[in-house]
Protein backbone atom coordinates (compact mmCIF):
# COMPACT_ATOMS: atom_id res chain seq x y z
CA UNK A 1 104.43 91.31 115.56
CA UNK A 2 101.81 93.22 113.38
CA UNK A 3 99.24 90.80 114.81
CA UNK A 4 99.92 91.67 118.34
CA UNK A 5 99.71 95.42 117.46
CA UNK A 6 96.35 94.71 115.87
CA UNK A 7 94.92 93.05 119.00
CA UNK A 8 96.01 96.19 121.18
CA UNK A 9 94.68 98.82 118.90
CA UNK A 10 92.26 100.99 120.12
CA UNK A 11 88.63 101.05 119.15
CA UNK A 12 86.65 104.18 118.17
CA UNK A 13 82.94 104.49 118.60
CA UNK A 14 81.47 104.75 114.98
CA UNK A 15 77.91 104.42 115.38
CA UNK A 16 74.76 102.05 116.32
CA UNK A 17 73.06 99.07 115.03
CA UNK A 18 69.68 100.31 113.73
CA UNK A 19 67.50 96.91 112.96
CA UNK A 20 67.96 93.73 111.04
CA UNK A 21 67.23 93.93 107.26
CA UNK A 22 66.04 90.96 105.22
CA UNK A 23 65.99 87.32 105.97
CA UNK A 24 69.66 86.78 106.05
CA UNK A 25 70.77 88.50 109.19
CA UNK A 26 71.98 91.61 107.54
CA UNK A 27 71.84 94.86 109.68
CA UNK A 28 71.26 98.47 109.22
CA UNK A 29 73.82 100.95 110.64
CA UNK A 30 73.79 104.39 111.48
CA UNK A 31 77.23 105.91 111.51
CA UNK A 32 78.52 108.70 113.60
CA UNK A 33 78.86 110.57 110.27
CA UNK A 34 78.76 109.92 106.68
CA UNK A 35 82.55 109.24 106.30
CA UNK A 36 82.24 106.16 108.69
CA UNK A 37 79.46 104.96 106.63
CA UNK A 38 81.59 105.51 103.34
CA UNK A 39 84.64 103.56 104.63
CA UNK A 40 82.39 100.24 105.71
CA UNK A 41 83.41 98.60 102.37
CA UNK A 42 87.16 98.96 103.23
CA UNK A 43 87.12 97.37 106.74
CA UNK A 44 87.56 93.94 107.53
CA UNK A 45 85.96 93.94 110.99
CA UNK A 46 83.38 96.07 112.83
CA UNK A 47 83.02 95.46 116.66
CA UNK A 48 79.47 95.50 118.10
CA UNK A 49 78.83 95.73 121.89
CA UNK A 50 77.07 92.31 122.87
CA UNK A 51 76.45 91.22 126.44
CA UNK A 52 78.88 94.10 127.74
CA UNK A 53 81.71 93.13 125.35
CA UNK A 54 82.99 94.38 122.04
CA UNK A 55 82.74 91.57 119.89
CA UNK A 56 84.46 91.50 116.31
CA UNK A 57 82.36 90.51 113.50
CA UNK A 58 84.10 90.01 109.89
CA UNK A 59 82.19 92.16 107.21
CA UNK A 60 81.03 90.05 104.34
CA UNK A 61 79.06 92.61 102.32
CA UNK A 62 78.04 96.10 102.73
CA UNK A 63 75.21 97.88 100.69
CA UNK A 64 75.46 101.62 100.53
CA UNK A 65 72.80 103.52 102.37
CA UNK A 66 71.48 105.71 103.82
CA UNK A 67 71.72 103.73 106.04
CA UNK A 68 74.00 101.31 104.88
CA UNK A 69 73.12 97.52 105.23
CA UNK A 70 75.89 95.25 106.45
CA UNK A 71 76.19 91.47 106.17
CA UNK A 72 78.32 90.05 108.92
CA UNK A 73 79.90 86.63 109.42
CA UNK A 74 78.01 84.79 112.06
CA UNK A 75 74.75 86.66 111.66
CA UNK A 76 72.48 84.32 109.46
CA UNK A 77 69.07 85.02 110.87
CA UNK A 78 67.07 88.03 111.75
CA UNK A 79 66.51 86.83 115.19
CA UNK A 80 70.07 86.63 115.95
CA UNK A 81 70.60 89.95 114.51
CA UNK A 82 67.75 91.52 116.23
CA UNK A 83 69.53 91.08 119.55
CA UNK A 84 71.93 93.76 118.51
CA UNK A 85 69.23 96.50 117.96
CA UNK A 86 70.60 99.75 119.43
CA UNK A 87 74.01 98.33 120.37
CA UNK A 88 77.04 100.54 119.61
CA UNK A 89 79.62 99.63 117.00
CA UNK A 90 83.25 100.46 116.82
CA UNK A 91 86.01 100.37 114.36
CA UNK A 92 89.85 99.92 114.74
CA UNK A 93 91.55 103.23 115.18
CA UNK A 94 93.44 102.67 111.78
CA UNK A 95 90.09 102.08 110.04
CA UNK A 96 88.63 105.20 111.70
CA UNK A 97 91.64 107.32 110.52
CA UNK A 98 90.58 106.36 106.89
CA UNK A 99 87.21 107.86 107.86
CA UNK A 100 88.84 111.11 108.87
CA UNK A 101 90.41 111.11 105.33
CA UNK A 102 86.96 110.61 103.64
CA UNK A 103 85.10 113.46 105.55
CA UNK A 104 83.76 116.02 103.19
CA UNK A 105 83.27 119.73 103.59
CA UNK A 106 79.65 119.27 102.78
CA UNK A 107 77.79 117.30 105.53
CA UNK A 108 74.61 117.19 103.46
CA UNK A 109 75.94 115.43 100.45
CA UNK A 110 73.85 112.48 101.21
CA UNK A 111 70.67 114.40 100.08
CA UNK A 112 71.73 114.18 96.36
CA UNK A 113 68.89 112.18 94.82
CA UNK A 114 66.21 113.29 97.18
CA UNK A 115 63.01 114.93 95.92
CA UNK A 116 62.29 118.33 97.35
CA UNK A 117 58.47 118.96 97.80
CA UNK A 118 56.93 122.31 98.63
CA UNK A 119 54.97 122.06 101.71
CA UNK A 120 52.92 125.01 101.35
CA UNK A 121 51.98 124.47 97.38
CA UNK A 122 52.20 120.72 97.90
CA UNK A 123 54.09 120.28 94.74
CA UNK A 124 57.32 118.54 93.78
CA UNK A 125 59.89 121.14 93.11
CA UNK A 126 62.52 118.66 91.62
CA UNK A 127 65.42 116.33 92.56
CA UNK A 128 68.61 117.54 94.43
CA UNK A 129 71.59 116.93 91.94
CA UNK A 130 74.13 118.49 93.89
CA UNK A 131 74.77 120.50 97.28
CA UNK A 132 77.02 123.70 97.22
CA UNK A 133 78.18 126.10 99.65
CA UNK A 134 77.98 129.90 98.75
CA UNK A 135 78.88 132.61 101.21
CA UNK A 136 78.55 130.16 104.18
CA UNK A 137 75.29 129.02 103.16
CA UNK A 138 74.39 125.44 102.21
CA UNK A 139 72.54 125.19 98.87
CA UNK A 140 70.63 122.44 97.36
CA UNK A 141 70.99 122.40 93.39
CA UNK A 142 67.62 121.10 92.36
CA UNK A 143 66.59 120.03 89.05
CA UNK A 144 63.05 120.93 88.05
CA UNK A 145 62.47 118.36 85.52
CA UNK A 146 58.83 120.06 84.65
CA UNK A 147 60.47 123.45 83.62
CA UNK A 148 63.96 121.90 82.82
CA UNK A 149 65.72 124.41 85.03
CA UNK A 150 67.99 124.21 88.07
CA UNK A 151 67.13 126.14 91.41
CA UNK A 152 69.35 126.83 94.20
CA UNK A 153 67.49 126.34 97.34
CA UNK A 154 69.08 127.13 100.89
CA UNK A 155 69.13 124.19 103.08
CA UNK A 156 68.29 125.59 106.48
CA UNK A 157 66.56 123.79 109.50
CA UNK A 158 63.91 126.90 109.47
CA UNK A 159 62.94 125.76 105.84
CA UNK A 160 62.95 121.92 106.36
CA UNK A 161 59.43 120.72 107.50
CA UNK A 162 60.58 116.98 107.42
CA UNK A 163 63.12 114.87 105.82
CA UNK A 164 62.29 111.07 104.93
CA UNK A 165 65.69 109.14 104.11
CA UNK A 166 63.94 106.00 103.06
CA UNK A 167 61.46 107.60 100.78
CA UNK A 168 64.41 110.11 99.84
CA UNK A 169 62.11 113.28 100.09
CA UNK A 170 62.51 116.55 101.90
CA UNK A 171 59.51 118.43 102.63
CA UNK A 172 60.14 122.21 102.73
CA UNK A 173 58.49 125.53 103.50
CA UNK A 174 59.98 127.62 100.67
CA UNK A 175 59.59 131.45 100.43
CA UNK A 176 57.04 132.51 97.85
CA UNK A 177 58.68 133.03 94.28
CA UNK A 178 61.81 131.11 95.13
CA UNK A 179 61.30 128.80 92.35
CA UNK A 180 60.06 131.34 89.93
CA UNK A 181 63.63 132.78 89.78
């Protein structure tokens, strides 16, 4: 009976396949949000749109991201994985509900570990060690290793020049004197 229920369970959109990674057929995934990426280690199957159908793939291994890298049963070569570039992937509704429990109030938690670079002075400010919310404003707690102190830097789209998830850097246009407080 449980098997029948599982076959009829609704599939929930969870993200897209980015591209193959390495020579073993692993793929990079972009989740709808960080919570979907966090639960990938807990799911048995993901479903990927392939030739118009949602095809189940058993998850063999997950390497955390961003973006997460996933090894799926049956995808053993980059050429095979490449045909899935840009395809939507789905989770069972019960797995998607796990993602809702993992959602954090801080949507920018993934920037912890990124280096912040002052675009104007072309200097490394420090490394993001935490993100906090104060008075409705998201702030990055940035450890300045040179001065051995911590700065609170507002995370606002007007201040971010660019962000490189692969290099783990954030180029920011910081107001003069902000890091001297």
